PDB file of N, CA and C in Angstrom:
ATOM      1  N   UNK A   1     303.160 102.640  28.224  1.00  0.00           N
ATOM      2  CA  UNK A   1     303.900 101.400  28.268  1.00  0.00           C
ATOM      3  C   UNK A   1     303.420 100.444  27.170  1.00  0.00           C
ATOM      4  N   UNK A   2     302.113 100.336  27.017  1.00  0.00           N
ATOM      5  CA  UNK A   2     301.558  99.418  26.016  1.00  0.00           C
ATOM      6  C   UNK A   2     301.801  99.923  24.599  1.00  0.00           C
ATOM      7  N   UNK A   3     301.998 101.218  24.446  1.00  0.00           N
ATOM      8  CA  UNK A   3     302.219 101.787  23.112  1.00  0.00           C
ATOM      9  C   UNK A   3     303.467 101.219  22.438  1.00  0.00           C
ATOM     10  N   UNK A   4     304.476 100.864  23.218  1.00  0.00           N
ATOM     11  CA  UNK A   4     305.699 100.330  22.625  1.00  0.00           C
ATOM     12  C   UNK A   4     305.496  98.910  22.084  1.00  0.00           C
ATOM     13  N   UNK A   5     304.509  98.188  22.614  1.00  0.00           N
ATOM     14  CA  UNK A   5     304.236  96.830  22.140  1.00  0.00           C
ATOM     15  C   UNK A   5     303.190  96.790  21.030  1.00  0.00           C
ATOM     16  N   UNK A   6     302.557  97.901  20.743  1.00  0.00           N
ATOM     17  CA  UNK A   6     301.490  97.933  19.744  1.00  0.00           C
ATOM     18  C   UNK A   6     301.942  97.471  18.356  1.00  0.00           C
ATOM     19  N   UNK A   7     303.100  97.895  17.831  1.00  0.00           N
ATOM     20  CA  UNK A   7     303.519  97.391  16.509  1.00  0.00           C
ATOM     21  C   UNK A   7     303.744  95.879  16.492  1.00  0.00           C
ATOM     22  N   UNK A   8     304.287  95.323  17.562  1.00  0.00           N
ATOM     23  CA  UNK A   8     304.535  93.881  17.618  1.00  0.00           C
ATOM     24  C   UNK A   8     303.215  93.124  17.657  1.00  0.00           C
ATOM     25  N   UNK A   9     302.289  93.597  18.491  1.00  0.00           N
ATOM     26  CA  UNK A   9     300.980  92.942  18.584  1.00  0.00           C
ATOM     27  C   UNK A   9     300.253  93.037  17.248  1.00  0.00           C
ATOM     28  N   UNK A  10     300.344  94.191  16.593  1.00  0.00           N
ATOM     29  CA  UNK A  10     299.709  94.360  15.284  1.00  0.00           C
ATOM     30  C   UNK A  10     300.297  93.385  14.263  1.00  0.00           C
ATOM     31  N   UNK A  11     301.599  93.238  14.252  1.00  0.00           N
ATOM     32  CA  UNK A  11     302.247  92.315  13.323  1.00  0.00           C
ATOM     33  C   UNK A  11     301.823  90.876  13.589  1.00  0.00           C
ATOM     34  N   UNK A  12     301.745  90.488  14.855  1.00  0.00           N
ATOM     35  CA  UNK A  12     301.316  89.120  15.202  1.00  0.00           C
ATOM     36  C   UNK A  12     299.887  88.881  14.754  1.00  0.00           C
ATOM     37  N   UNK A  13     298.993  89.860  14.975  1.00  0.00           N
ATOM     38  CA  UNK A  13     297.593  89.711  14.566  1.00  0.00           C
ATOM     39  C   UNK A  13     297.485  89.598  13.054  1.00  0.00           C
ATOM     40  N   UNK A  14     298.226  90.433  12.330  1.00  0.00           N
ATOM     41  CA  UNK A  14     298.192  90.370  10.860  1.00  0.00           C
ATOM     42  C   UNK A  14     298.733  89.030  10.371  1.00  0.00           C
ATOM     43  N   UNK A  15     299.814  88.545  10.967  1.00  0.00           N
ATOM     44  CA  UNK A  15     300.389  87.260  10.550  1.00  0.00           C
ATOM     45  C   UNK A  15     299.420  86.119  10.817  1.00  0.00           C
ATOM     46  N   UNK A  16     298.776  86.126  11.984  1.00  0.00           N
ATOM     47  CA  UNK A  16     297.806  85.070  12.290  1.00  0.00           C
ATOM     48  C   UNK A  16     296.610  85.118  11.341  1.00  0.00           C
ATOM     49  N   UNK A  17     296.093  86.315  11.096  1.00  0.00           N
ATOM     50  CA  UNK A  17     294.957  86.443  10.174  1.00  0.00           C
ATOM     51  C   UNK A  17     295.329  85.976   8.770  1.00  0.00           C
ATOM     52  N   UNK A  18     296.526  86.339   8.321  1.00  0.00           N
ATOM     53  CA  UNK A  18     296.954  85.934   6.982  1.00  0.00           C
ATOM     54  C   UNK A  18     297.110  84.419   6.892  1.00  0.00           C
ATOM     55  N   UNK A  19     297.761  83.810   7.886  1.00  0.00           N
ATOM     56  CA  UNK A  19     297.995  82.362   7.809  1.00  0.00           C
ATOM     57  C   UNK A  19     296.693  81.581   7.931  1.00  0.00           C
ATOM     58  N   UNK A  20     295.847  81.946   8.872  1.00  0.00           N
ATOM     59  CA  UNK A  20     294.564  81.240   9.015  1.00  0.00           C
ATOM     60  C   UNK A  20     293.687  81.495   7.805  1.00  0.00           C
ATOM     61  N   UNK A  21     293.677  82.735   7.309  1.00  0.00           N
ATOM     62  CA  UNK A  21     292.894  83.054   6.114  1.00  0.00           C
ATOM     63  C   UNK A  21     293.358  82.286   4.893  1.00  0.00           C
ATOM     64  N   UNK A  22     294.675  82.112   4.734  1.00  0.00           N
ATOM     65  CA  UNK A  22     295.202  81.358   3.596  1.00  0.00           C
ATOM     66  C   UNK A  22     294.762  79.902   3.635  1.00  0.00           C
ATOM     67  N   UNK A  23     294.803  79.304   4.818  1.00  0.00           N
ATOM     68  CA  UNK A  23     294.393  77.908   4.945  1.00  0.00           C
ATOM     69  C   UNK A  23     292.904  77.762   4.668  1.00  0.00           C
ATOM     70  N   UNK A  24     292.098  78.620   5.239  1.00  0.00           N
ATOM     71  CA  UNK A  24     290.646  78.545   5.020  1.00  0.00           C
ATOM     72  C   UNK A  24     290.303  78.817   3.558  1.00  0.00           C
ATOM     73  N   UNK A  25     290.932  79.825   2.955  1.00  0.00           N
ATOM     74  CA  UNK A  25     290.669  80.176   1.565  1.00  0.00           C
ATOM     75  C   UNK A  25     291.042  79.027   0.628  1.00  0.00           C
ATOM     76  N   UNK A  26     292.174  78.368   0.869  1.00  0.00           N
ATOM     77  CA  UNK A  26     292.565  77.254   0.010  1.00  0.00           C
ATOM     78  C   UNK A  26     291.637  76.060   0.194  1.00  0.00           C
ATOM     79  N   UNK A  27     291.120  75.850   1.404  1.00  0.00           N
ATOM     80  CA  UNK A  27     290.145  74.774   1.625  1.00  0.00           C
ATOM     81  C   UNK A  27     288.838  75.039   0.882  1.00  0.00           C
ATOM     82  N   UNK A  28     288.428  76.306   0.840  1.00  0.00           N
ATOM     83  CA  UNK A  28     287.153  76.638   0.217  1.00  0.00           C
ATOM     84  C   UNK A  28     287.207  76.563  -1.304  1.00  0.00           C
ATOM     85  N   UNK A  29     288.273  77.075  -1.905  1.00  0.00           N
ATOM     86  CA  UNK A  29     288.292  77.146  -3.367  1.00  0.00           C
ATOM     87  C   UNK A  29     289.194  76.100  -4.012  1.00  0.00           C
ATOM     88  N   UNK A  30     289.951  75.340  -3.238  1.00  0.00           N
ATOM     89  CA  UNK A  30     290.861  74.359  -3.808  1.00  0.00           C
ATOM     90  C   UNK A  30     290.138  73.182  -4.423  1.00  0.00           C
ATOM     91  N   UNK A  31     290.750  72.625  -5.475  1.00  0.00           N
ATOM     92  CA  UNK A  31     290.163  71.456  -6.124  1.00  0.00           C
ATOM     93  C   UNK A  31     290.385  70.217  -5.260  1.00  0.00           C
ATOM     94  N   UNK A  32     289.371  69.385  -5.222  1.00  0.00           N
ATOM     95  CA  UNK A  32     289.458  68.148  -4.450  1.00  0.00           C
ATOM     96  C   UNK A  32     289.155  66.973  -5.370  1.00  0.00           C
ATOM     97  N   UNK A  33     290.199  66.479  -6.038  1.00  0.00           N
ATOM     98  CA  UNK A  33     290.054  65.333  -6.931  1.00  0.00           C
ATOM     99  C   UNK A  33     291.057  64.270  -6.500  1.00  0.00           C
ATOM    100  N   UNK A  34     290.770  63.550  -5.429  1.00  0.00           N
ATOM    101  CA  UNK A  34     291.730  62.529  -4.981  1.00  0.00           C
ATOM    102  C   UNK A  34     291.773  61.353  -5.949  1.00  0.00           C
ATOM    103  N   UNK A  35     292.977  60.932  -6.275  1.00  0.00           N
ATOM    104  CA  UNK A  35     293.173  59.749  -7.103  1.00  0.00           C
ATOM    105  C   UNK A  35     294.121  58.809  -6.358  1.00  0.00           C
ATOM    106  N   UNK A  36     294.261  57.615  -6.875  1.00  0.00           N
ATOM    107  CA  UNK A  36     295.148  56.647  -6.227  1.00  0.00           C
ATOM    108  C   UNK A  36     296.591  57.133  -6.248  1.00  0.00           C
ATOM    109  N   UNK A  37     296.984  57.801  -7.317  1.00  0.00           N
ATOM    110  CA  UNK A  37     298.361  58.305  -7.422  1.00  0.00           C
ATOM    111  C   UNK A  37     298.584  59.454  -6.441  1.00  0.00           C
ATOM    112  N   UNK A  38     297.607  60.350  -6.312  1.00  0.00           N
ATOM    113  CA  UNK A  38     297.768  61.465  -5.384  1.00  0.00           C
ATOM    114  C   UNK A  38     297.789  61.000  -3.928  1.00  0.00           C
ATOM    115  N   UNK A  39     297.082  59.941  -3.622  1.00  0.00           N
ATOM    116  CA  UNK A  39     297.004  59.468  -2.243  1.00  0.00           C
ATOM    117  C   UNK A  39     298.128  58.497  -1.867  1.00  0.00           C
ATOM    118  N   UNK A  40     298.930  58.077  -2.850  1.00  0.00           N
ATOM    119  CA  UNK A  40     300.024  57.156  -2.534  1.00  0.00           C
ATOM    120  C   UNK A  40     301.184  57.934  -1.904  1.00  0.00           C
ATOM    121  N   UNK A  41     301.914  57.295  -1.005  1.00  0.00           N
ATOM    122  CA  UNK A  41     303.039  57.993  -0.382  1.00  0.00           C
ATOM    123  C   UNK A  41     304.153  58.234  -1.397  1.00  0.00           C
ATOM    124  N   UNK A  42     304.734  59.422  -1.335  1.00  0.00           N
ATOM    125  CA  UNK A  42     305.800  59.799  -2.263  1.00  0.00           C
ATOM    126  C   UNK A  42     307.147  59.641  -1.572  1.00  0.00           C
ATOM    127  N   UNK A  43     308.030  58.922  -2.235  1.00  0.00           N
ATOM    128  CA  UNK A  43     309.356  58.696  -1.662  1.00  0.00           C
ATOM    129  C   UNK A  43     310.383  58.745  -2.785  1.00  0.00           C
ATOM    130  N   UNK A  44     310.842  59.914  -3.116  1.00  0.00           N
ATOM    131  CA  UNK A  44     311.894  60.122  -4.122  1.00  0.00           C
ATOM    132  C   UNK A  44     311.511  59.574  -5.493  1.00  0.00           C
ATOM    133  N   UNK A  45     310.246  59.555  -5.807  1.00  0.00           N
ATOM    134  CA  UNK A  45     309.819  59.083  -7.109  1.00  0.00           C
ATOM    135  C   UNK A  45     309.784  57.567  -7.230  1.00  0.00           C
ATOM    136  N   UNK A  46     310.117  56.880  -6.157  1.00  0.00           N
ATOM    137  CA  UNK A  46     310.139  55.414  -6.166  1.00  0.00           C
ATOM    138  C   UNK A  46     308.991  54.899  -5.296  1.00  0.00           C
ATOM    139  N   UNK A  47     308.417  53.779  -5.661  1.00  0.00           N
ATOM    140  CA  UNK A  47     307.401  53.205  -4.776  1.00  0.00           C
ATOM    141  C   UNK A  47     308.064  52.749  -3.468  1.00  0.00           C
ATOM    142  N   UNK A  48     307.409  52.984  -2.338  1.00  0.00           N
ATOM    143  CA  UNK A  48     308.023  52.616  -1.064  1.00  0.00           C
ATOM    144  C   UNK A  48     308.216  51.113  -0.936  1.00  0.00           C
ATOM    145  N   UNK A  49     309.359  50.742  -0.378  1.00  0.00           N
ATOM    146  CA  UNK A  49     309.685  49.333  -0.185  1.00  0.00           C
ATOM    147  C   UNK A  49     309.918  49.109   1.306  1.00  0.00           C
ATOM    148  N   UNK A  50     309.281  48.134   1.861  1.00  0.00           N
ATOM    149  CA  UNK A  50     309.498  47.823   3.270  1.00  0.00           C
ATOM    150  C   UNK A  50     308.628  48.666   4.185  1.00  0.00           C
ATOM    151  N   UNK A  51     308.889  48.498   5.457  1.00  0.00           N
ATOM    152  CA  UNK A  51     308.113  49.177   6.468  1.00  0.00           C
ATOM    153  C   UNK A  51     308.741  50.525   6.821  1.00  0.00           C
ATOM    154  N   UNK A  52     307.901  51.462   7.208  1.00  0.00           N
ATOM    155  CA  UNK A  52     308.405  52.762   7.658  1.00  0.00           C
ATOM    156  C   UNK A  52     308.935  52.667   9.082  1.00  0.00           C
ATOM    157  N   UNK A  53     308.701  51.567   9.747  1.00  0.00           N
ATOM    158  CA  UNK A  53     309.127  51.371  11.127  1.00  0.00           C
ATOM    159  C   UNK A  53     310.444  50.602  11.221  1.00  0.00           C
ATOM    160  N   UNK A  54     311.241  50.661  10.155  1.00  0.00           N
ATOM    161  CA  UNK A  54     312.519  49.953  10.132  1.00  0.00           C
ATOM    162  C   UNK A  54     313.470  50.524  11.172  1.00  0.00           C
ATOM    163  N   UNK A  55     314.206  49.671  11.839  1.00  0.00           N
ATOM    164  CA  UNK A  55     315.152  50.102  12.870  1.00  0.00           C
ATOM    165  C   UNK A  55     316.477  50.486  12.210  1.00  0.00           C
ATOM    166  N   UNK A  56     317.034  51.596  12.675  1.00  0.00           N
ATOM    167  CA  UNK A  56     318.317  52.058  12.167  1.00  0.00           C
ATOM    168  C   UNK A  56     319.423  51.607  13.099  1.00  0.00           C
ATOM    169  N   UNK A  57     320.595  51.442  12.530  1.00  0.00           N
ATOM    170  CA  UNK A  57     321.761  51.093  13.314  1.00  0.00           C
ATOM    171  C   UNK A  57     322.144  52.262  14.210  1.00  0.00           C
ATOM    172  N   UNK A  58     322.713  51.955  15.357  1.00  0.00           N
ATOM    173  CA  UNK A  58     323.157  52.997  16.280  1.00  0.00           C
ATOM    174  C   UNK A  58     324.259  53.848  15.657  1.00  0.00           C
ATOM    175  N   UNK A  59     324.995  53.286  14.692  1.00  0.00           N
ATOM    176  CA  UNK A  59     326.046  54.037  13.997  1.00  0.00           C
ATOM    177  C   UNK A  59     325.473  55.271  13.299  1.00  0.00           C
ATOM    178  N   UNK A  60     324.272  55.137  12.782  1.00  0.00           N
ATOM    179  CA  UNK A  60     323.625  56.263  12.113  1.00  0.00           C
ATOM    180  C   UNK A  60     323.469  57.433  13.075  1.00  0.00           C
ATOM    181  N   UNK A  61     322.991  57.149  14.281  1.00  0.00           N
ATOM    182  CA  UNK A  61     322.771  58.203  15.267  1.00  0.00           C
ATOM    183  C   UNK A  61     324.084  58.762  15.798  1.00  0.00           C
ATOM    184  N   UNK A  62     325.085  57.919  15.955  1.00  0.00           N
ATOM    185  CA  UNK A  62     326.381  58.394  16.438  1.00  0.00           C
ATOM    186  C   UNK A  62     327.004  59.351  15.430  1.00  0.00           C
ATOM    187  N   UNK A  63     326.959  59.003  14.162  1.00  0.00           N
ATOM    188  CA  UNK A  63     327.528  59.876  13.137  1.00  0.00           C
ATOM    189  C   UNK A  63     326.727  61.171  13.046  1.00  0.00           C
ATOM    190  N   UNK A  64     325.418  61.095  13.214  1.00  0.00           N
ATOM    191  CA  UNK A  64     324.604  62.316  13.183  1.00  0.00           C
ATOM    192  C   UNK A  64     324.971  63.229  14.350  1.00  0.00           C
ATOM    193  N   UNK A  65     325.145  62.677  15.538  1.00  0.00           N
ATOM    194  CA  UNK A  65     325.523  63.503  16.691  1.00  0.00           C
ATOM    195  C   UNK A  65     326.924  64.086  16.519  1.00  0.00           C
ATOM    196  N   UNK A  66     327.842  63.295  15.983  1.00  0.00           N
ATOM    197  CA  UNK A  66     329.196  63.804  15.771  1.00  0.00           C
ATOM    198  C   UNK A  66     329.202  64.919  14.725  1.00  0.00           C
ATOM    199  N   UNK A  67     328.380  64.781  13.710  1.00  0.00           N
ATOM    200  CA  UNK A  67     328.273  65.844  12.714  1.00  0.00           C
ATOM    201  C   UNK A  67     327.794  67.136  13.365  1.00  0.00           C
ATOM    202  N   UNK A  68     326.804  67.036  14.222  1.00  0.00           N
ATOM    203  CA  UNK A  68     326.286  68.226  14.890  1.00  0.00           C
ATOM    204  C   UNK A  68     327.368  68.855  15.772  1.00  0.00           C
ATOM    205  N   UNK A  69     328.081  68.040  16.545  1.00  0.00           N
ATOM    206  CA  UNK A  69     329.116  68.570  17.431  1.00  0.00           C
ATOM    207  C   UNK A  69     330.206  69.282  16.641  1.00  0.00           C
ATOM    208  N   UNK A  70     330.700  68.660  15.589  1.00  0.00           N
ATOM    209  CA  UNK A  70     331.787  69.264  14.835  1.00  0.00           C
ATOM    210  C   UNK A  70     331.297  70.353  13.883  1.00  0.00           C
ATOM    211  N   UNK A  71     330.014  70.378  13.605  1.00  0.00           N
ATOM    212  CA  UNK A  71     329.453  71.448  12.799  1.00  0.00           C
ATOM    213  C   UNK A  71     329.256  72.706  13.642  1.00  0.00           C
ATOM    214  N   UNK A  72     328.967  72.539  14.904  1.00  0.00           N
ATOM    215  CA  UNK A  72     328.765  73.673  15.800  1.00  0.00           C
ATOM    216  C   UNK A  72     330.050  74.485  15.940  1.00  0.00           C
ATOM    217  N   UNK A  73     331.198  73.838  15.808  1.00  0.00           N
ATOM    218  CA  UNK A  73     332.461  74.576  15.941  1.00  0.00           C
ATOM    219  C   UNK A  73     332.545  75.698  14.918  1.00  0.00           C
ATOM    220  N   UNK A  74     332.008  75.487  13.754  1.00  0.00           N
ATOM    221  CA  UNK A  74     332.038  76.525  12.725  1.00  0.00           C
ATOM    222  C   UNK A  74     331.166  77.703  13.149  1.00  0.00           C
ATOM    223  N   UNK A  75     330.061  77.426  13.813  1.00  0.00           N
ATOM    224  CA  UNK A  75     329.185  78.494  14.292  1.00  0.00           C
ATOM    225  C   UNK A  75     329.927  79.387  15.288  1.00  0.00           C
ATOM    226  N   UNK A  76     330.778  78.797  16.123  1.00  0.00           N
ATOM    227  CA  UNK A  76     331.541  79.582  17.077  1.00  0.00           C
ATOM    228  C   UNK A  76     332.717  80.313  16.421  1.00  0.00           C
ATOM    229  N   UNK A  77     333.140  79.869  15.254  1.00  0.00           N
ATOM    230  CA  UNK A  77     334.273  80.520  14.591  1.00  0.00           C
ATOM    231  C   UNK A  77     333.869  81.796  13.858  1.00  0.00           C
ATOM    232  N   UNK A  78     332.628  81.913  13.428  1.00  0.00           N
ATOM    233  CA  UNK A  78     332.200  83.117  12.717  1.00  0.00           C
ATOM    234  C   UNK A  78     332.296  84.372  13.581  1.00  0.00           C
ATOM    235  N   UNK A  79     331.711  84.397  14.785  1.00  0.00           N
ATOM    236  CA  UNK A  79     331.848  85.615  15.592  1.00  0.00           C
ATOM    237  C   UNK A  79     333.307  85.892  15.959  1.00  0.00           C
ATOM    238  N   UNK A  80     334.071  84.847  16.179  1.00  0.00           N
ATOM    239  CA  UNK A  80     335.490  85.026  16.496  1.00  0.00           C
ATOM    240  C   UNK A  80     336.215  85.685  15.319  1.00  0.00           C
ATOM    241  N   UNK A  81     335.913  85.247  14.107  1.00  0.00           N
ATOM    242  CA  UNK A  81     336.564  85.816  12.928  1.00  0.00           C
ATOM    243  C   UNK A  81     336.169  87.274  12.727  1.00  0.00           C
ATOM    244  N   UNK A  82     334.926  87.603  13.039  1.00  0.00           N
ATOM    245  CA  UNK A  82     334.481  88.985  12.886  1.00  0.00           C
ATOM    246  C   UNK A  82     335.191  89.891  13.887  1.00  0.00           C
ATOM    247  N   UNK A  83     335.386  89.408  15.103  1.00  0.00           N
ATOM    248  CA  UNK A  83     336.001  90.213  16.168  1.00  0.00           C
ATOM    249  C   UNK A  83     337.494  89.933  16.332  1.00  0.00           C
ATOM    250  N   UNK A  84     338.120  89.290  15.366  1.00  0.00           N
ATOM    251  CA  UNK A  84     339.498  88.836  15.511  1.00  0.00           C
ATOM    252  C   UNK A  84     340.465  89.968  15.864  1.00  0.00           C
ATOM    253  N   UNK A  85     340.399  91.073  15.147  1.00  0.00           N
ATOM    254  CA  UNK A  85     341.344  92.170  15.403  1.00  0.00           C
ATOM    255  C   UNK A  85     341.130  92.784  16.782  1.00  0.00           C
ATOM    256  N   UNK A  86     339.898  92.900  17.207  1.00  0.00           N
ATOM    257  CA  UNK A  86     339.611  93.505  18.503  1.00  0.00           C
ATOM    258  C   UNK A  86     340.000  92.584  19.659  1.00  0.00           C
ATOM    259  N   UNK A  87     339.926  91.278  19.452  1.00  0.00           N
ATOM    260  CA  UNK A  87     340.273  90.327  20.513  1.00  0.00           C
ATOM    261  C   UNK A  87     341.774  90.210  20.713  1.00  0.00           C
ATOM    262  N   UNK A  88     342.516  90.391  19.651  1.00  0.00           N
ATOM    263  CA  UNK A  88     343.974  90.359  19.753  1.00  0.00           C
ATOM    264  C   UNK A  88     344.521  88.977  20.059  1.00  0.00           C
ATOM    265  N   UNK A  89     345.641  88.950  20.768  1.00  0.00           N
ATOM    266  CA  UNK A  89     346.332  87.706  21.090  1.00  0.00           C
ATOM    267  C   UNK A  89     345.491  86.816  22.000  1.00  0.00           C
ATOM    268  N   UNK A  90     344.761  87.420  22.942  1.00  0.00           N
ATOM    269  CA  UNK A  90     343.924  86.645  23.851  1.00  0.00           C
ATOM    270  C   UNK A  90     342.888  85.827  23.079  1.00  0.00           C
ATOM    271  N   UNK A  91     342.206  86.458  22.119  1.00  0.00           N
ATOM    272  CA  UNK A  91     341.203  85.760  21.307  1.00  0.00           C
ATOM    273  C   UNK A  91     341.825  84.666  20.464  1.00  0.00           C
ATOM    274  N   UNK A  92     343.035  84.933  19.958  1.00  0.00           N
ATOM    275  CA  UNK A  92     343.724  83.933  19.145  1.00  0.00           C
ATOM    276  C   UNK A  92     344.067  82.695  19.980  1.00  0.00           C
ATOM    277  N   UNK A  93     344.569  82.917  21.192  1.00  0.00           N
ATOM    278  CA  UNK A  93     344.926  81.795  22.074  1.00  0.00           C
ATOM    279  C   UNK A  93     343.672  81.027  22.492  1.00  0.00           C
ATOM    280  N   UNK A  94     342.602  81.742  22.830  1.00  0.00           N
ATOM    281  CA  UNK A  94     341.354  81.070  23.228  1.00  0.00           C
ATOM    282  C   UNK A  94     340.805  80.204  22.093  1.00  0.00           C
ATOM    283  N   UNK A  95     340.833  80.718  20.866  1.00  0.00           N
ATOM    284  CA  UNK A  95     340.339  79.916  19.743  1.00  0.00           C
ATOM    285  C   UNK A  95     341.275  78.750  19.480  1.00  0.00           C
ATOM    286  N   UNK A  96     342.563  78.942  19.683  1.00  0.00           N
ATOM    287  CA  UNK A  96     343.503  77.826  19.538  1.00  0.00           C
ATOM    288  C   UNK A  96     343.209  76.715  20.537  1.00  0.00           C
ATOM    289  N   UNK A  97     342.906  77.082  21.782  1.00  0.00           N
ATOM    290  CA  UNK A  97     342.548  76.077  22.805  1.00  0.00           C
ATOM    291  C   UNK A  97     341.250  75.380  22.406  1.00  0.00           C
ATOM    292  N   UNK A  98     340.281  76.148  21.925  1.00  0.00           N
ATOM    293  CA  UNK A  98     338.997  75.573  21.498  1.00  0.00           C
ATOM    294  C   UNK A  98     339.202  74.565  20.368  1.00  0.00           C
ATOM    295  N   UNK A  99     339.991  74.929  19.376  1.00  0.00           N
ATOM    296  CA  UNK A  99     340.246  74.033  18.244  1.00  0.00           C
ATOM    297  C   UNK A  99     341.056  72.821  18.696  1.00  0.00           C
ATOM    298  N   UNK A 100     341.995  73.016  19.613  1.00  0.00           N
ATOM    299  CA  UNK A 100     342.773  71.895  20.136  1.00  0.00           C
ATOM    300  C   UNK A 100     341.877  70.884  20.848  1.00  0.00           C
ATOM    301  N   UNK A 101     340.941  71.368  21.654  1.00  0.00           N
ATOM    302  CA  UNK A 101     340.000  70.470  22.330  1.00  0.00           C
ATOM    303  C   UNK A 101     339.167  69.698  21.309  1.00  0.00           C
ATOM    304  N   UNK A 102     338.699  70.373  20.264  1.00  0.00           N
ATOM    305  CA  UNK A 102     337.925  69.693  19.230  1.00  0.00           C
ATOM    306  C   UNK A 102     338.771  68.674  18.467  1.00  0.00           C
ATOM    307  N   UNK A 103     340.019  69.004  18.199  1.00  0.00           N
ATOM    308  CA  UNK A 103     340.892  68.056  17.504  1.00  0.00           C
ATOM    309  C   UNK A 103     341.171  66.820  18.361  1.00  0.00           C
ATOM    310  N   UNK A 104     341.336  67.017  19.666  1.00  0.00           N
ATOM    311  CA  UNK A 104     341.532  65.867  20.557  1.00  0.00           C
ATOM    312  C   UNK A 104     340.275  64.983  20.539  1.00  0.00           C
ATOM    313  N   UNK A 105     339.106  65.610  20.586  1.00  0.00           N
ATOM    314  CA  UNK A 105     337.852  64.848  20.500  1.00  0.00           C
ATOM    315  C   UNK A 105     337.715  64.125  19.178  1.00  0.00           C
ATOM    316  N   UNK A 106     338.094  64.795  18.093  1.00  0.00           N
ATOM    317  CA  UNK A 106     338.022  64.185  16.770  1.00  0.00           C
ATOM    318  C   UNK A 106     338.974  62.996  16.668  1.00  0.00           C
ATOM    319  N   UNK A 107     340.187  63.147  17.195  1.00  0.00           N
ATOM    320  CA  UNK A 107     341.150  62.040  17.172  1.00  0.00           C
ATOM    321  C   UNK A 107     340.632  60.860  17.989  1.00  0.00           C
ATOM    322  N   UNK A 108     340.028  61.140  19.126  1.00  0.00           N
ATOM    323  CA  UNK A 108     339.468  60.073  19.966  1.00  0.00           C
ATOM    324  C   UNK A 108     338.363  59.325  19.229  1.00  0.00           C
ATOM    325  N   UNK A 109     337.466  60.073  18.608  1.00  0.00           N
ATOM    326  CA  UNK A 109     336.358  59.463  17.868  1.00  0.00           C
ATOM    327  C   UNK A 109     336.889  58.634  16.707  1.00  0.00           C
ATOM    328  N   UNK A 110     337.878  59.152  16.020  1.00  0.00           N
ATOM    329  CA  UNK A 110     338.460  58.442  14.889  1.00  0.00           C
ATOM    330  C   UNK A 110     339.138  57.165  15.360  1.00  0.00           C
ATOM    331  N   UNK A 111     339.887  57.250  16.445  1.00  0.00           N
ATOM    332  CA  UNK A 111     340.608  56.086  16.987  1.00  0.00           C
ATOM    333  C   UNK A 111     339.628  55.001  17.445  1.00  0.00           C
ATOM    334  N   UNK A 112     338.492  55.402  18.011  1.00  0.00           N
ATOM    335  CA  UNK A 112     337.473  54.452  18.458  1.00  0.00           C
ATOM    336  C   UNK A 112     336.729  53.798  17.294  1.00  0.00           C
ATOM    337  N   UNK A 113     336.851  54.379  16.106  1.00  0.00           N
ATOM    338  CA  UNK A 113     336.180  53.806  14.924  1.00  0.00           C
ATOM    339  C   UNK A 113     334.738  54.233  14.799  1.00  0.00           C
ATOM    340  N   UNK A 114     334.351  55.313  15.457  1.00  0.00           N
ATOM    341  CA  UNK A 114     332.963  55.761  15.397  1.00  0.00           C
ATOM    342  C   UNK A 114     332.595  56.347  14.040  1.00  0.00           C
ATOM    343  N   UNK A 115     333.579  56.712  13.246  1.00  0.00           N
ATOM    344  CA  UNK A 115     333.310  57.288  11.938  1.00  0.00           C
ATOM    345  C   UNK A 115     333.244  56.232  10.835  1.00  0.00           C
ATOM    346  N   UNK A 116     333.488  54.989  11.185  1.00  0.00           N
ATOM    347  CA  UNK A 116     333.424  53.905  10.207  1.00  0.00           C
ATOM    348  C   UNK A 116     331.958  53.531   9.943  1.00  0.00           C
ATOM    349  N   UNK A 117     331.582  53.565   8.694  1.00  0.00           N
ATOM    350  CA  UNK A 117     330.224  53.210   8.316  1.00  0.00           C
ATOM    351  C   UNK A 117     330.241  51.784   7.785  1.00  0.00           C
ATOM    352  N   UNK A 118     329.551  50.906   8.461  1.00  0.00           N
ATOM    353  CA  UNK A 118     329.590  49.472   8.081  1.00  0.00           C
ATOM    354  C   UNK A 118     328.388  49.098   7.272  1.00  0.00           C
TER     355      UNK A 118
END
């Protein structure tokens, strides 16, 4: 029984040894010359302005959630497209209902003005 898990356990042990060994090896032989420029926070090549604790508008989070919801629909369309011929008319109707539900949600969100960035 344990013989079937031996390759997986071996791979995990090798991966752990490699990752821990890489970190330790880089700590031992890596150069340590800290300067003011190396220790300053990097933000797109520009010096940071303002606080990192700035509050974001709720619109930012709403648009991010809507992007995730409408982006997930594409994830569900890939397997459907691969199995399209085998699913036949039933699969076509089911995907049509799925897309119709998403379009109704999209129209609702648009009508509410949630996609407006102020």
